[in-house]
Amino acid sequence: MSEDIAPQEQPVEFKKKGWTAPEIMEQVDFAAELICNGKQPWQIRKIMEDRWGLNRRTVENRTHEARKQLARELCGMDRGEKVAEMVGAMQKVLDMSMTNGRGSDAIGAMRLITELLNLNPRNQ
């Protein structure tokens, strides 16, 4: 009988109640990954709603926990590790900006890399 219904007309499954601890950790880790990939809060909300059927408040809670988790990870790093990670991220932005012809974004990324590495002669 469900074969007669087109895929877009399939009934939507009900949202699950009572997530297990491993499922919650998976959702928090996924939210942290989205944050690290530069997704905006509305994008994170949409992706997590689509993936797990979470309501807005639950997504906000998972995202909050993800940010706390990321902060704990950062506090455990030494300054050199943090700078190296940030320079790597800025290098990706620089490469993408140059590929897409976005010169102002590339200049901004270069400026941040220079600041992170203390290469600005005016500040020395």
PDB file of N, CA and C in Angstrom:
ATOM      1  N   MET A   1       0.822  -1.184   0.000  1.00  0.00           N
ATOM      2  CA  MET A   1       0.000   0.000   0.000  1.00  0.00           C
ATOM      3  C   MET A   1       0.871   1.255   0.000  1.00  0.00           C
ATOM      4  N   SER A   2       1.966   1.266   0.780  1.00  0.00           N
ATOM      5  CA  SER A   2       2.826   2.438   0.818  1.00  0.00           C
ATOM      6  C   SER A   2       3.586   2.600  -0.486  1.00  0.00           C
ATOM      7  N   GLU A   3       3.610   1.574  -1.328  1.00  0.00           N
ATOM      8  CA  GLU A   3       4.285   1.664  -2.615  1.00  0.00           C
ATOM      9  C   GLU A   3       3.544   2.605  -3.554  1.00  0.00           C
ATOM     10  N   ASP A   4       2.241   2.783  -3.333  1.00  0.00           N
ATOM     11  CA  ASP A   4       1.437   3.656  -4.181  1.00  0.00           C
ATOM     12  C   ASP A   4       1.655   5.128  -3.850  1.00  0.00           C
ATOM     13  N   ILE A   5       2.229   5.398  -2.698  1.00  0.00           N
ATOM     14  CA  ILE A   5       2.424   6.775  -2.272  1.00  0.00           C
ATOM     15  C   ILE A   5       3.787   7.247  -2.770  1.00  0.00           C
ATOM     16  N   ALA A   6       3.799   8.415  -3.377  1.00  0.00           N
ATOM     17  CA  ALA A   6       5.059   8.990  -3.858  1.00  0.00           C
ATOM     18  C   ALA A   6       5.953   9.301  -2.657  1.00  0.00           C
ATOM     19  N   PRO A   7       7.295   9.280  -2.838  1.00  0.00           N
ATOM     20  CA  PRO A   7       8.200   9.501  -1.706  1.00  0.00           C
ATOM     21  C   PRO A   7       7.936  10.796  -0.945  1.00  0.00           C
ATOM     22  N   GLN A   8       7.619  11.891  -1.639  1.00  0.00           N
ATOM     23  CA  GLN A   8       7.384  13.148  -0.941  1.00  0.00           C
ATOM     24  C   GLN A   8       6.065  13.137  -0.176  1.00  0.00           C
ATOM     25  N   GLU A   9       5.192  12.165  -0.452  1.00  0.00           N
ATOM     26  CA  GLU A   9       3.904  12.079   0.221  1.00  0.00           C
ATOM     27  C   GLU A   9       3.923  11.071   1.362  1.00  0.00           C
ATOM     28  N   GLN A  10       5.075  10.426   1.589  1.00  0.00           N
ATOM     29  CA  GLN A  10       5.177   9.453   2.672  1.00  0.00           C
ATOM     30  C   GLN A  10       4.871  10.149   4.002  1.00  0.00           C
ATOM     31  N   PRO A  11       4.188   9.476   4.913  1.00  0.00           N
ATOM     32  CA  PRO A  11       3.921  10.099   6.204  1.00  0.00           C
ATOM     33  C   PRO A  11       5.224  10.363   6.963  1.00  0.00           C
ATOM     34  N   VAL A  12       5.287  11.500   7.631  1.00  0.00           N
ATOM     35  CA  VAL A  12       6.473  11.869   8.399  1.00  0.00           C
ATOM     36  C   VAL A  12       6.461  11.086   9.704  1.00  0.00           C
ATOM     37  N   GLU A  13       7.621  10.532  10.075  1.00  0.00           N
ATOM     38  CA  GLU A  13       7.707   9.784  11.321  1.00  0.00           C
ATOM     39  C   GLU A  13       7.604  10.743  12.507  1.00  0.00           C
ATOM     40  N   PHE A  14       7.076  10.237  13.605  1.00  0.00           N
ATOM     41  CA  PHE A  14       6.965  11.048  14.800  1.00  0.00           C
ATOM     42  C   PHE A  14       8.334  11.219  15.427  1.00  0.00           C
ATOM     43  N   LYS A  15       8.506  12.332  16.113  1.00  0.00           N
ATOM     44  CA  LYS A  15       9.773  12.601  16.777  1.00  0.00           C
ATOM     45  C   LYS A  15       9.963  11.628  17.931  1.00  0.00           C
ATOM     46  N   LYS A  16      11.178  11.146  18.072  1.00  0.00           N
ATOM     47  CA  LYS A  16      11.500  10.196  19.123  1.00  0.00           C
ATOM     48  C   LYS A  16      11.631  10.919  20.453  1.00  0.00           C
ATOM     49  N   LYS A  17      11.116  10.321  21.482  1.00  0.00           N
ATOM     50  CA  LYS A  17      11.263  10.857  22.840  1.00  0.00           C
ATOM     51  C   LYS A  17      12.236   9.960  23.589  1.00  0.00           C
ATOM     52  N   GLY A  18      12.953  10.513  24.519  1.00  0.00           N
ATOM     53  CA  GLY A  18      13.824   9.720  25.372  1.00  0.00           C
ATOM     54  C   GLY A  18      15.056   9.182  24.670  1.00  0.00           C
ATOM     55  N   TRP A  19      15.951  10.059  24.276  1.00  0.00           N
ATOM     56  CA  TRP A  19      17.192   9.639  23.629  1.00  0.00           C
ATOM     57  C   TRP A  19      18.102   8.975  24.646  1.00  0.00           C
ATOM     58  N   THR A  20      18.869   7.979  24.207  1.00  0.00           N
ATOM     59  CA  THR A  20      19.835   7.327  25.086  1.00  0.00           C
ATOM     60  C   THR A  20      21.086   8.196  25.184  1.00  0.00           C
ATOM     61  N   ALA A  21      21.901   7.946  26.204  1.00  0.00           N
ATOM     62  CA  ALA A  21      23.124   8.731  26.393  1.00  0.00           C
ATOM     63  C   ALA A  21      24.052   8.652  25.174  1.00  0.00           C
ATOM     64  N   PRO A  22      24.265   7.462  24.585  1.00  0.00           N
ATOM     65  CA  PRO A  22      25.117   7.414  23.383  1.00  0.00           C
ATOM     66  C   PRO A  22      24.533   8.202  22.207  1.00  0.00           C
ATOM     67  N   GLU A  23      23.215   8.204  22.064  1.00  0.00           N
ATOM     68  CA  GLU A  23      22.586   8.976  20.991  1.00  0.00           C
ATOM     69  C   GLU A  23      22.765  10.468  21.223  1.00  0.00           C
ATOM     70  N   ILE A  24      22.625  10.895  22.480  1.00  0.00           N
ATOM     71  CA  ILE A  24      22.804  12.307  22.805  1.00  0.00           C
ATOM     72  C   ILE A  24      24.240  12.727  22.531  1.00  0.00           C
ATOM     73  N   MET A  25      25.209  11.886  22.926  1.00  0.00           N
ATOM     74  CA  MET A  25      26.611  12.210  22.670  1.00  0.00           C
ATOM     75  C   MET A  25      26.889  12.279  21.175  1.00  0.00           C
ATOM     76  N   GLU A  26      26.269  11.406  20.400  1.00  0.00           N
ATOM     77  CA  GLU A  26      26.425  11.452  18.944  1.00  0.00           C
ATOM     78  C   GLU A  26      25.893  12.779  18.400  1.00  0.00           C
ATOM     79  N   GLN A  27      24.757  13.219  18.912  1.00  0.00           N
ATOM     80  CA  GLN A  27      24.165  14.478  18.473  1.00  0.00           C
ATOM     81  C   GLN A  27      25.040  15.665  18.877  1.00  0.00           C
ATOM     82  N   VAL A  28      25.585  15.637  20.088  1.00  0.00           N
ATOM     83  CA  VAL A  28      26.457  16.719  20.561  1.00  0.00           C
ATOM     84  C   VAL A  28      27.733  16.755  19.717  1.00  0.00           C
ATOM     85  N   ASP A  29      28.323  15.587  19.468  1.00  0.00           N
ATOM     86  CA  ASP A  29      29.539  15.523  18.644  1.00  0.00           C
ATOM     87  C   ASP A  29      29.265  16.023  17.233  1.00  0.00           C
ATOM     88  N   PHE A  30      28.100  15.671  16.702  1.00  0.00           N
ATOM     89  CA  PHE A  30      27.726  16.107  15.355  1.00  0.00           C
ATOM     90  C   PHE A  30      27.559  17.630  15.323  1.00  0.00           C
ATOM     91  N   ALA A  31      26.917  18.177  16.369  1.00  0.00           N
ATOM     92  CA  ALA A  31      26.753  19.635  16.452  1.00  0.00           C
ATOM     93  C   ALA A  31      28.115  20.316  16.546  1.00  0.00           C
ATOM     94  N   ALA A  32      29.046  19.734  17.304  1.00  0.00           N
ATOM     95  CA  ALA A  32      30.390  20.303  17.423  1.00  0.00           C
ATOM     96  C   ALA A  32      31.086  20.296  16.062  1.00  0.00           C
ATOM     97  N   GLU A  33      30.909  19.227  15.320  1.00  0.00           N
ATOM     98  CA  GLU A  33      31.500  19.148  13.982  1.00  0.00           C
ATOM     99  C   GLU A  33      30.921  20.230  13.074  1.00  0.00           C
ATOM    100  N   LEU A  34      29.614  20.447  13.152  1.00  0.00           N
ATOM    101  CA  LEU A  34      28.981  21.487  12.339  1.00  0.00           C
ATOM    102  C   LEU A  34      29.503  22.871  12.727  1.00  0.00           C
ATOM    103  N   ILE A  35      29.680  23.108  14.019  1.00  0.00           N
ATOM    104  CA  ILE A  35      30.205  24.392  14.485  1.00  0.00           C
ATOM    105  C   ILE A  35      31.618  24.593  13.936  1.00  0.00           C
ATOM    106  N   CYS A  36      32.431  23.543  14.024  1.00  0.00           N
ATOM    107  CA  CYS A  36      33.813  23.631  13.532  1.00  0.00           C
ATOM    108  C   CYS A  36      33.869  23.849  12.024  1.00  0.00           C
ATOM    109  N   ASN A  37      32.844  23.384  11.328  1.00  0.00           N
ATOM    110  CA  ASN A  37      32.781  23.578   9.880  1.00  0.00           C
ATOM    111  C   ASN A  37      32.178  24.920   9.492  1.00  0.00           C
ATOM    112  N   GLY A  38      31.905  25.764  10.492  1.00  0.00           N
ATOM    113  CA  GLY A  38      31.453  27.123  10.231  1.00  0.00           C
ATOM    114  C   GLY A  38      29.977  27.262   9.916  1.00  0.00           C
ATOM    115  N   LYS A  39      29.173  26.271  10.267  1.00  0.00           N
ATOM    116  CA  LYS A  39      27.737  26.368  10.011  1.00  0.00           C
ATOM    117  C   LYS A  39      27.104  27.392  10.944  1.00  0.00           C
ATOM    118  N   GLN A  40      26.128  28.099  10.429  1.00  0.00           N
ATOM    119  CA  GLN A  40      25.379  29.085  11.197  1.00  0.00           C
ATOM    120  C   GLN A  40      24.352  28.369  12.071  1.00  0.00           C
ATOM    121  N   PRO A  41      23.906  28.997  13.171  1.00  0.00           N
ATOM    122  CA  PRO A  41      22.928  28.350  14.043  1.00  0.00           C
ATOM    123  C   PRO A  41      21.681  27.859  13.308  1.00  0.00           C
ATOM    124  N   TRP A  42      21.169  28.637  12.353  1.00  0.00           N
ATOM    125  CA  TRP A  42      19.969  28.203  11.635  1.00  0.00           C
ATOM    126  C   TRP A  42      20.272  26.979  10.769  1.00  0.00           C
ATOM    127  N   GLN A  43      21.501  26.888  10.246  1.00  0.00           N
ATOM    128  CA  GLN A  43      21.876  25.719   9.439  1.00  0.00           C
ATOM    129  C   GLN A  43      22.003  24.483  10.325  1.00  0.00           C
ATOM    130  N   ILE A  44      22.607  24.657  11.494  1.00  0.00           N
ATOM    131  CA  ILE A  44      22.746  23.543  12.437  1.00  0.00           C
ATOM    132  C   ILE A  44      21.367  23.034  12.834  1.00  0.00           C
ATOM    133  N   ARG A  45      20.471  23.972  13.138  1.00  0.00           N
ATOM    134  CA  ARG A  45      19.108  23.609  13.536  1.00  0.00           C
ATOM    135  C   ARG A  45      18.421  22.802  12.435  1.00  0.00           C
ATOM    136  N   LYS A  46      18.516  23.260  11.204  1.00  0.00           N
ATOM    137  CA  LYS A  46      17.864  22.587  10.077  1.00  0.00           C
ATOM    138  C   LYS A  46      18.449  21.192   9.856  1.00  0.00           C
ATOM    139  N   ILE A  47      19.777  21.097   9.871  1.00  0.00           N
ATOM    140  CA  ILE A  47      20.429  19.811   9.633  1.00  0.00           C
ATOM    141  C   ILE A  47      20.048  18.801  10.711  1.00  0.00           C
ATOM    142  N   MET A  48      20.068  19.246  11.970  1.00  0.00           N
ATOM    143  CA  MET A  48      19.759  18.320  13.060  1.00  0.00           C
ATOM    144  C   MET A  48      18.270  17.980  13.122  1.00  0.00           C
ATOM    145  N   GLU A  49      17.425  18.916  12.739  1.00  0.00           N
ATOM    146  CA  GLU A  49      15.991  18.619  12.654  1.00  0.00           C
ATOM    147  C   GLU A  49      15.739  17.573  11.576  1.00  0.00           C
ATOM    148  N   ASP A  50      16.405  17.735  10.435  1.00  0.00           N
ATOM    149  CA  ASP A  50      16.222  16.791   9.333  1.00  0.00           C
ATOM    150  C   ASP A  50      16.788  15.412   9.666  1.00  0.00           C
ATOM    151  N   ARG A  51      17.927  15.393  10.350  1.00  0.00           N
ATOM    152  CA  ARG A  51      18.606  14.121  10.616  1.00  0.00           C
ATOM    153  C   ARG A  51      17.931  13.315  11.723  1.00  0.00           C
ATOM    154  N   TRP A  52      17.556  13.982  12.819  1.00  0.00           N
ATOM    155  CA  TRP A  52      16.994  13.264  13.962  1.00  0.00           C
ATOM    156  C   TRP A  52      15.566  13.660  14.309  1.00  0.00           C
ATOM    157  N   GLY A  53      15.024  14.661  13.663  1.00  0.00           N
ATOM    158  CA  GLY A  53      13.675  15.107  14.003  1.00  0.00           C
ATOM    159  C   GLY A  53      13.616  15.833  15.337  1.00  0.00           C
ATOM    160  N   LEU A  54      14.729  16.473  15.718  1.00  0.00           N
ATOM    161  CA  LEU A  54      14.775  17.177  16.993  1.00  0.00           C
ATOM    162  C   LEU A  54      14.019  18.496  16.909  1.00  0.00           C
ATOM    163  N   ASN A  55      13.415  18.886  18.033  1.00  0.00           N
ATOM    164  CA  ASN A  55      12.754  20.191  18.043  1.00  0.00           C
ATOM    165  C   ASN A  55      13.787  21.281  18.296  1.00  0.00           C
ATOM    166  N   ARG A  56      13.392  22.503  18.128  1.00  0.00           N
ATOM    167  CA  ARG A  56      14.309  23.652  18.218  1.00  0.00           C
ATOM    168  C   ARG A  56      15.031  23.713  19.560  1.00  0.00           C
ATOM    169  N   ARG A  57      14.307  23.533  20.628  1.00  0.00           N
ATOM    170  CA  ARG A  57      14.891  23.623  21.976  1.00  0.00           C
ATOM    171  C   ARG A  57      15.940  22.531  22.195  1.00  0.00           C
ATOM    172  N   THR A  58      15.662  21.332  21.741  1.00  0.00           N
ATOM    173  CA  THR A  58      16.620  20.231  21.899  1.00  0.00           C
ATOM    174  C   THR A  58      17.883  20.509  21.100  1.00  0.00           C
ATOM    175  N   VAL A  59      17.726  21.036  19.885  1.00  0.00           N
ATOM    176  CA  VAL A  59      18.897  21.386  19.076  1.00  0.00           C
ATOM    177  C   VAL A  59      19.715  22.460  19.791  1.00  0.00           C
ATOM    178  N   GLU A  60      19.054  23.440  20.384  1.00  0.00           N
ATOM    179  CA  GLU A  60      19.771  24.485  21.113  1.00  0.00           C
ATOM    180  C   GLU A  60      20.546  23.893  22.290  1.00  0.00           C
ATOM    181  N   ASN A  61      19.937  22.936  22.991  1.00  0.00           N
ATOM    182  CA  ASN A  61      20.618  22.283  24.111  1.00  0.00           C
ATOM    183  C   ASN A  61      21.837  21.497  23.630  1.00  0.00           C
ATOM    184  N   ARG A  62      21.671  20.740  22.529  1.00  0.00           N
ATOM    185  CA  ARG A  62      22.796  19.952  21.994  1.00  0.00           C
ATOM    186  C   ARG A  62      23.914  20.880  21.508  1.00  0.00           C
ATOM    187  N   THR A  63      23.556  21.993  20.890  1.00  0.00           N
ATOM    188  CA  THR A  63      24.541  22.948  20.390  1.00  0.00           C
ATOM    189  C   THR A  63      25.269  23.609  21.553  1.00  0.00           C
ATOM    190  N   HIS A  64      24.549  23.935  22.608  1.00  0.00           N
ATOM    191  CA  HIS A  64      25.159  24.520  23.805  1.00  0.00           C
ATOM    192  C   HIS A  64      26.185  23.555  24.400  1.00  0.00           C
ATOM    193  N   GLU A  65      25.809  22.285  24.505  1.00  0.00           N
ATOM    194  CA  GLU A  65      26.731  21.274  25.027  1.00  0.00           C
ATOM    195  C   GLU A  65      27.937  21.118  24.110  1.00  0.00           C
ATOM    196  N   ALA A  66      27.710  21.207  22.806  1.00  0.00           N
ATOM    197  CA  ALA A  66      28.815  21.089  21.844  1.00  0.00           C
ATOM    198  C   ALA A  66      29.804  22.229  22.026  1.00  0.00           C
ATOM    199  N   ARG A  67      29.302  23.442  22.236  1.00  0.00           N
ATOM    200  CA  ARG A  67      30.188  24.592  22.451  1.00  0.00           C
ATOM    201  C   ARG A  67      30.989  24.426  23.747  1.00  0.00           C
ATOM    202  N   LYS A  68      30.342  23.915  24.799  1.00  0.00           N
ATOM    203  CA  LYS A  68      31.054  23.671  26.053  1.00  0.00           C
ATOM    204  C   LYS A  68      32.134  22.611  25.853  1.00  0.00           C
ATOM    205  N   GLN A  69      31.816  21.580  25.074  1.00  0.00           N
ATOM    206  CA  GLN A  69      32.781  20.518  24.780  1.00  0.00           C
ATOM    207  C   GLN A  69      33.982  21.079  24.016  1.00  0.00           C
ATOM    208  N   LEU A  70      33.719  21.918  23.025  1.00  0.00           N
ATOM    209  CA  LEU A  70      34.799  22.528  22.253  1.00  0.00           C
ATOM    210  C   LEU A  70      35.661  23.428  23.137  1.00  0.00           C
ATOM    211  N   ALA A  71      35.033  24.161  24.043  1.00  0.00           N
ATOM    212  CA  ALA A  71      35.781  25.036  24.950  1.00  0.00           C
ATOM    213  C   ALA A  71      36.683  24.209  25.859  1.00  0.00           C
ATOM    214  N   ARG A  72      36.187  23.071  26.371  1.00  0.00           N
ATOM    215  CA  ARG A  72      37.011  22.202  27.213  1.00  0.00           C
ATOM    216  C   ARG A  72      38.207  21.673  26.430  1.00  0.00           C
ATOM    217  N   GLU A  73      37.977  21.305  25.169  1.00  0.00           N
ATOM    218  CA  GLU A  73      39.069  20.800  24.336  1.00  0.00           C
ATOM    219  C   GLU A  73      40.117  21.883  24.103  1.00  0.00           C
ATOM    220  N   LEU A  74      39.656  23.115  23.874  1.00  0.00           N
ATOM    221  CA  LEU A  74      40.592  24.217  23.655  1.00  0.00           C
ATOM    222  C   LEU A  74      41.407  24.522  24.906  1.00  0.00           C
ATOM    223  N   CYS A  75      40.779  24.424  26.068  1.00  0.00           N
ATOM    224  CA  CYS A  75      41.495  24.711  27.314  1.00  0.00           C
ATOM    225  C   CYS A  75      42.592  23.680  27.566  1.00  0.00           C
ATOM    226  N   GLY A  76      42.441  22.496  27.036  1.00  0.00           N
ATOM    227  CA  GLY A  76      43.434  21.450  27.213  1.00  0.00           C
ATOM    228  C   GLY A  76      44.622  21.585  26.274  1.00  0.00           C
ATOM    229  N   MET A  77      44.540  22.455  25.289  1.00  0.00           N
ATOM    230  CA  MET A  77      45.623  22.638  24.323  1.00  0.00           C
ATOM    231  C   MET A  77      46.580  23.712  24.819  1.00  0.00           C
ATOM    232  N   ASP A  78      47.830  23.605  24.397  1.00  0.00           N
ATOM    233  CA  ASP A  78      48.741  24.705  24.694  1.00  0.00           C
ATOM    234  C   ASP A  78      48.628  25.747  23.581  1.00  0.00           C
ATOM    235  N   ARG A  79      49.223  26.893  23.804  1.00  0.00           N
ATOM    236  CA  ARG A  79      49.083  28.008  22.861  1.00  0.00           C
ATOM    237  C   ARG A  79      49.557  27.631  21.454  1.00  0.00           C
ATOM    238  N   GLY A  80      50.668  26.918  21.355  1.00  0.00           N
ATOM    239  CA  GLY A  80      51.203  26.527  20.049  1.00  0.00           C
ATOM    240  C   GLY A  80      50.229  25.668  19.254  1.00  0.00           C
ATOM    241  N   GLU A  81      49.569  24.736  19.943  1.00  0.00           N
ATOM    242  CA  GLU A  81      48.582  23.879  19.271  1.00  0.00           C
ATOM    243  C   GLU A  81      47.402  24.706  18.760  1.00  0.00           C
ATOM    244  N   LYS A  82      46.939  25.638  19.605  1.00  0.00           N
ATOM    245  CA  LYS A  82      45.811  26.480  19.214  1.00  0.00           C
ATOM    246  C   LYS A  82      46.163  27.330  17.997  1.00  0.00           C
ATOM    247  N   VAL A  83      47.339  27.940  18.045  1.00  0.00           N
ATOM    248  CA  VAL A  83      47.758  28.793  16.927  1.00  0.00           C
ATOM    249  C   VAL A  83      47.870  27.963  15.660  1.00  0.00           C
ATOM    250  N   ALA A  84      48.475  26.770  15.757  1.00  0.00           N
ATOM    251  CA  ALA A  84      48.632  25.908  14.579  1.00  0.00           C
ATOM    252  C   ALA A  84      47.270  25.520  13.994  1.00  0.00           C
ATOM    253  N   GLU A  85      46.327  25.194  14.856  1.00  0.00           N
ATOM    254  CA  GLU A  85      44.990  24.818  14.391  1.00  0.00           C
ATOM    255  C   GLU A  85      44.296  26.003  13.715  1.00  0.00           C
ATOM    256  N   MET A  86      44.426  27.178  14.318  1.00  0.00           N
ATOM    257  CA  MET A  86      43.776  28.362  13.761  1.00  0.00           C
ATOM    258  C   MET A  86      44.421  28.785  12.445  1.00  0.00           C
ATOM    259  N   VAL A  87      45.736  28.690  12.370  1.00  0.00           N
ATOM    260  CA  VAL A  87      46.419  29.024  11.121  1.00  0.00           C
ATOM    261  C   VAL A  87      45.989  28.058  10.025  1.00  0.00           C
ATOM    262  N   GLY A  88      45.854  26.774  10.371  1.00  0.00           N
ATOM    263  CA  GLY A  88      45.378  25.787   9.398  1.00  0.00           C
ATOM    264  C   GLY A  88      43.987  26.127   8.881  1.00  0.00           C
ATOM    265  N   ALA A  89      43.104  26.528   9.785  1.00  0.00           N
ATOM    266  CA  ALA A  89      41.745  26.903   9.379  1.00  0.00           C
ATOM    267  C   ALA A  89      41.768  28.148   8.490  1.00  0.00           C
ATOM    268  N   MET A  90      42.578  29.132   8.861  1.00  0.00           N
ATOM    269  CA  MET A  90      42.676  30.354   8.058  1.00  0.00           C
ATOM    270  C   MET A  90      43.300  30.072   6.690  1.00  0.00           C
ATOM    271  N   GLN A  91      44.217  29.104   6.642  1.00  0.00           N
ATOM    272  CA  GLN A  91      44.815  28.725   5.361  1.00  0.00           C
ATOM    273  C   GLN A  91      43.752  28.141   4.437  1.00  0.00           C
ATOM    274  N   LYS A  92      42.824  27.353   5.004  1.00  0.00           N
ATOM    275  CA  LYS A  92      41.717  26.809   4.205  1.00  0.00           C
ATOM    276  C   LYS A  92      40.849  27.941   3.666  1.00  0.00           C
ATOM    277  N   VAL A  93      40.553  28.912   4.527  1.00  0.00           N
ATOM    278  CA  VAL A  93      39.749  30.069   4.104  1.00  0.00           C
ATOM    279  C   VAL A  93      40.475  30.819   2.999  1.00  0.00           C
ATOM    280  N   LEU A  94      41.777  31.015   3.174  1.00  0.00           N
ATOM    281  CA  LEU A  94      42.587  31.711   2.167  1.00  0.00           C
ATOM    282  C   LEU A  94      42.543  30.965   0.834  1.00  0.00           C
ATOM    283  N   ASP A  95      42.740  29.655   0.866  1.00  0.00           N
ATOM    284  CA  ASP A  95      42.727  28.855  -0.364  1.00  0.00           C
ATOM    285  C   ASP A  95      41.365  28.913  -1.053  1.00  0.00           C
ATOM    286  N   MET A  96      40.288  28.769  -0.264  1.00  0.00           N
ATOM    287  CA  MET A  96      38.942  28.811  -0.840  1.00  0.00           C
ATOM    288  C   MET A  96      38.657  30.190  -1.418  1.00  0.00           C
ATOM    289  N   SER A  97      39.081  31.227  -0.723  1.00  0.00           N
ATOM    290  CA  SER A  97      38.844  32.599  -1.189  1.00  0.00           C
ATOM    291  C   SER A  97      39.554  32.856  -2.505  1.00  0.00           C
ATOM    292  N   MET A  98      40.793  32.410  -2.599  1.00  0.00           N
ATOM    293  CA  MET A  98      41.560  32.610  -3.830  1.00  0.00           C
ATOM    294  C   MET A  98      40.931  31.824  -4.983  1.00  0.00           C
ATOM    295  N   THR A  99      40.493  30.598  -4.708  1.00  0.00           N
ATOM    296  CA  THR A  99      39.870  29.765  -5.738  1.00  0.00           C
ATOM    297  C   THR A  99      38.588  30.403  -6.256  1.00  0.00           C
ATOM    298  N   ASN A 100      37.824  31.022  -5.356  1.00  0.00           N
ATOM    299  CA  ASN A 100      36.527  31.590  -5.728  1.00  0.00           C
ATOM    300  C   ASN A 100      36.610  33.060  -6.124  1.00  0.00           C
ATOM    301  N   GLY A 101      37.831  33.603  -6.207  1.00  0.00           N
ATOM    302  CA  GLY A 101      37.992  34.992  -6.629  1.00  0.00           C
ATOM    303  C   GLY A 101      37.488  36.009  -5.631  1.00  0.00           C
ATOM    304  N   ARG A 102      37.545  35.666  -4.348  1.00  0.00           N
ATOM    305  CA  ARG A 102      37.078  36.582  -3.300  1.00  0.00           C
ATOM    306  C   ARG A 102      38.288  37.204  -2.618  1.00  0.00           C
ATOM    307  N   GLY A 103      38.841  38.212  -3.270  1.00  0.00           N
ATOM    308  CA  GLY A 103      40.068  38.842  -2.815  1.00  0.00           C
ATOM    309  C   GLY A 103      39.995  39.433  -1.429  1.00  0.00           C
ATOM    310  N   SER A 104      38.873  40.077  -1.084  1.00  0.00           N
ATOM    311  CA  SER A 104      38.779  40.710   0.239  1.00  0.00           C
ATOM    312  C   SER A 104      38.788  39.665   1.346  1.00  0.00           C
ATOM    313  N   ASP A 105      38.167  38.513   1.105  1.00  0.00           N
ATOM    314  CA  ASP A 105      38.195  37.435   2.091  1.00  0.00           C
ATOM    315  C   ASP A 105      39.608  36.884   2.231  1.00  0.00           C
ATOM    316  N   ALA A 106      40.311  36.774   1.105  1.00  0.00           N
ATOM    317  CA  ALA A 106      41.688  36.280   1.123  1.00  0.00           C
ATOM    318  C   ALA A 106      42.584  37.229   1.912  1.00  0.00           C
ATOM    319  N   ILE A 107      42.404  38.524   1.700  1.00  0.00           N
ATOM    320  CA  ILE A 107      43.202  39.518   2.428  1.00  0.00           C
ATOM    321  C   ILE A 107      42.916  39.421   3.930  1.00  0.00           C
ATOM    322  N   GLY A 108      41.663  39.256   4.280  1.00  0.00           N
ATOM    323  CA  GLY A 108      41.300  39.110   5.697  1.00  0.00           C
ATOM    324  C   GLY A 108      41.936  37.875   6.313  1.00  0.00           C
ATOM    325  N   ALA A 109      41.938  36.769   5.589  1.00  0.00           N
ATOM    326  CA  ALA A 109      42.555  35.545   6.096  1.00  0.00           C
ATOM    327  C   ALA A 109      44.062  35.732   6.259  1.00  0.00           C
ATOM    328  N   MET A 110      44.699  36.396   5.290  1.00  0.00           N
ATOM    329  CA  MET A 110      46.138  36.651   5.396  1.00  0.00           C
ATOM    330  C   MET A 110      46.442  37.541   6.603  1.00  0.00           C
ATOM    331  N   ARG A 111      45.596  38.546   6.837  1.00  0.00           N
ATOM    332  CA  ARG A 111      45.792  39.437   7.982  1.00  0.00           C
ATOM    333  C   ARG A 111      45.697  38.660   9.295  1.00  0.00           C
ATOM    334  N   LEU A 112      44.711  37.756   9.391  1.00  0.00           N
ATOM    335  CA  LEU A 112      44.559  36.963  10.616  1.00  0.00           C
ATOM    336  C   LEU A 112      45.733  36.005  10.807  1.00  0.00           C
ATOM    337  N   ILE A 113      46.199  35.398   9.732  1.00  0.00           N
ATOM    338  CA  ILE A 113      47.367  34.512   9.836  1.00  0.00           C
ATOM    339  C   ILE A 113      48.570  35.303  10.333  1.00  0.00           C
ATOM    340  N   THR A 114      48.757  36.504   9.781  1.00  0.00           N
ATOM    341  CA  THR A 114      49.871  37.364  10.193  1.00  0.00           C
ATOM    342  C   THR A 114      49.776  37.703  11.681  1.00  0.00           C
ATOM    343  N   GLU A 115      48.569  38.014  12.153  1.00  0.00           N
ATOM    344  CA  GLU A 115      48.378  38.331  13.570  1.00  0.00           C
ATOM    345  C   GLU A 115      48.636  37.112  14.445  1.00  0.00           C
ATOM    346  N   LEU A 116      48.131  35.950  14.015  1.00  0.00           N
ATOM    347  CA  LEU A 116      48.311  34.737  14.814  1.00  0.00           C
ATOM    348  C   LEU A 116      49.782  34.362  14.960  1.00  0.00           C
ATOM    349  N   LEU A 117      50.540  34.596  13.921  1.00  0.00           N
ATOM    350  CA  LEU A 117      51.958  34.234  13.938  1.00  0.00           C
ATOM    351  C   LEU A 117      52.860  35.379  14.403  1.00  0.00           C
ATOM    352  N   ASN A 118      52.257  36.484  14.806  1.00  0.00           N
ATOM    353  CA  ASN A 118      53.003  37.676  15.249  1.00  0.00           C
ATOM    354  C   ASN A 118      54.021  38.114  14.199  1.00  0.00           C
ATOM    355  N   LEU A 119      53.617  38.177  12.952  1.00  0.00           N
ATOM    356  CA  LEU A 119      54.503  38.575  11.857  1.00  0.00           C
ATOM    357  C   LEU A 119      54.353  40.049  11.483  1.00  0.00           C
ATOM    358  N   ASN A 120      53.481  40.752  12.163  1.00  0.00           N
ATOM    359  CA  ASN A 120      53.234  42.153  11.853  1.00  0.00           C
ATOM    360  C   ASN A 120      54.338  43.009  12.479  1.00  0.00           C
ATOM    361  N   PRO A 121      55.201  43.632  11.669  1.00  0.00           N
ATOM    362  CA  PRO A 121      56.325  44.399  12.228  1.00  0.00           C
ATOM    363  C   PRO A 121      55.897  45.596  13.077  1.00  0.00           C
ATOM    364  N   ARG A 122      54.715  46.144  12.850  1.00  0.00           N
ATOM    365  CA  ARG A 122      54.257  47.299  13.631  1.00  0.00           C
ATOM    366  C   ARG A 122      53.997  46.918  15.093  1.00  0.00           C
ATOM    367  N   ASN A 123      53.653  45.652  15.333  1.00  0.00           N
ATOM    368  CA  ASN A 123      53.311  45.216  16.695  1.00  0.00           C
ATOM    369  C   ASN A 123      54.522  44.749  17.482  1.00  0.00           C
ATOM    370  N   GLN A 124      55.709  44.771  16.893  1.00  0.00           N
ATOM    371  CA  GLN A 124      56.885  44.229  17.592  1.00  0.00           C
ATOM    372  C   GLN A 124      57.718  45.324  18.190  1.00  0.00           C
TER     373      GLN A 124
END
